[in-house]
Amino acid sequence: MKELMEQISAIGDTFIRNAETQLDKGNKAAGLRARRASLELEPLLKRFRKLSLEASNNKD
């Protein structure tokens, strides 16, 4: 789970950096990179949710 969190954090940082560049400077390429990062985040976040629910259910 720790490795998954590190992946989410790295891709999230990339997304934020590129999204801000698009907004601040109007950089279209940065917008494309941000959209790609958002697509990479989706399955990782779904996996995190699944693992988190399993961990919560196992503690009960």
Protein backbone atom coordinates (compact mmCIF):
# COMPACT_ATOMS: atom_id res chain seq x y z
CA MET A 1 0.00 0.00 0.00
CA LYS A 2 2.93 2.30 0.70
CA GLU A 3 4.24 1.85 -2.84
CA LEU A 4 0.78 2.66 -4.21
CA MET A 5 0.68 5.85 -2.14
CA GLU A 6 4.07 6.87 -3.51
CA GLN A 7 2.85 6.33 -7.09
CA ILE A 8 -0.29 8.36 -6.44
CA SER A 9 1.76 11.14 -4.88
CA ALA A 10 4.25 11.29 -7.77
CA ILE A 11 1.58 11.33 -10.46
CA GLY A 12 -0.51 13.77 -8.43
CA ASP A 13 2.44 16.14 -8.21
CA THR A 14 2.91 15.89 -11.97
CA PHE A 15 -0.77 16.59 -12.52
CA ILE A 16 -0.77 19.65 -10.25
CA ARG A 17 2.43 21.07 -11.71
CA ASN A 18 1.19 20.74 -15.30
CA ALA A 19 -2.33 21.93 -14.54
CA GLU A 20 -0.94 25.05 -12.87
CA THR A 21 1.36 25.68 -15.83
CA GLN A 22 -1.60 25.46 -18.18
CA LEU A 23 -3.67 27.82 -16.07
CA ASP A 24 -0.90 30.34 -15.34
CA LYS A 25 0.86 30.41 -18.68
CA GLY A 26 -1.72 29.01 -21.09
CA ASN A 27 0.66 26.19 -22.03
CA LYS A 28 -1.37 23.73 -24.12
CA ALA A 29 1.24 20.96 -23.87
CA ALA A 30 1.12 21.18 -20.08
CA GLY A 31 -2.66 20.74 -20.28
CA LEU A 32 -2.18 17.57 -22.31
CA ARG A 33 0.33 16.25 -19.75
CA ALA A 34 -2.10 17.06 -16.91
CA ARG A 35 -4.94 15.21 -18.65
CA ARG A 36 -2.69 12.19 -19.19
CA ALA A 37 -1.71 12.23 -15.52
CA SER A 38 -5.38 12.35 -14.51
CA LEU A 39 -6.00 9.22 -16.60
CA GLU A 40 -3.10 7.48 -14.86
CA LEU A 41 -4.44 8.47 -11.44
CA GLU A 42 -7.90 7.00 -11.91
CA PRO A 43 -7.00 3.28 -11.72
CA LEU A 44 -4.52 3.91 -8.91
CA LEU A 45 -7.16 5.70 -6.85
CA LYS A 46 -9.65 2.89 -7.46
CA ARG A 47 -7.03 0.38 -6.33
CA PHE A 48 -6.32 2.47 -3.23
CA ARG A 49 -10.03 2.57 -2.39
CA LYS A 50 -10.28 -1.22 -2.71
CA LEU A 51 -7.22 -1.84 -0.54
CA SER A 52 -8.35 0.71 2.02
CA LEU A 53 -11.78 -0.90 2.34
CA GLU A 54 -10.19 -4.34 2.71
CA ALA A 55 -7.89 -3.04 5.44
CA SER A 56 -10.81 -1.44 7.27
CA ASN A 57 -12.91 -4.59 7.06
CA ASN A 58 -10.07 -6.80 8.31
CA LYS A 59 -9.63 -4.71 11.46
CA ASP A 60 -13.24 -5.20 12.57
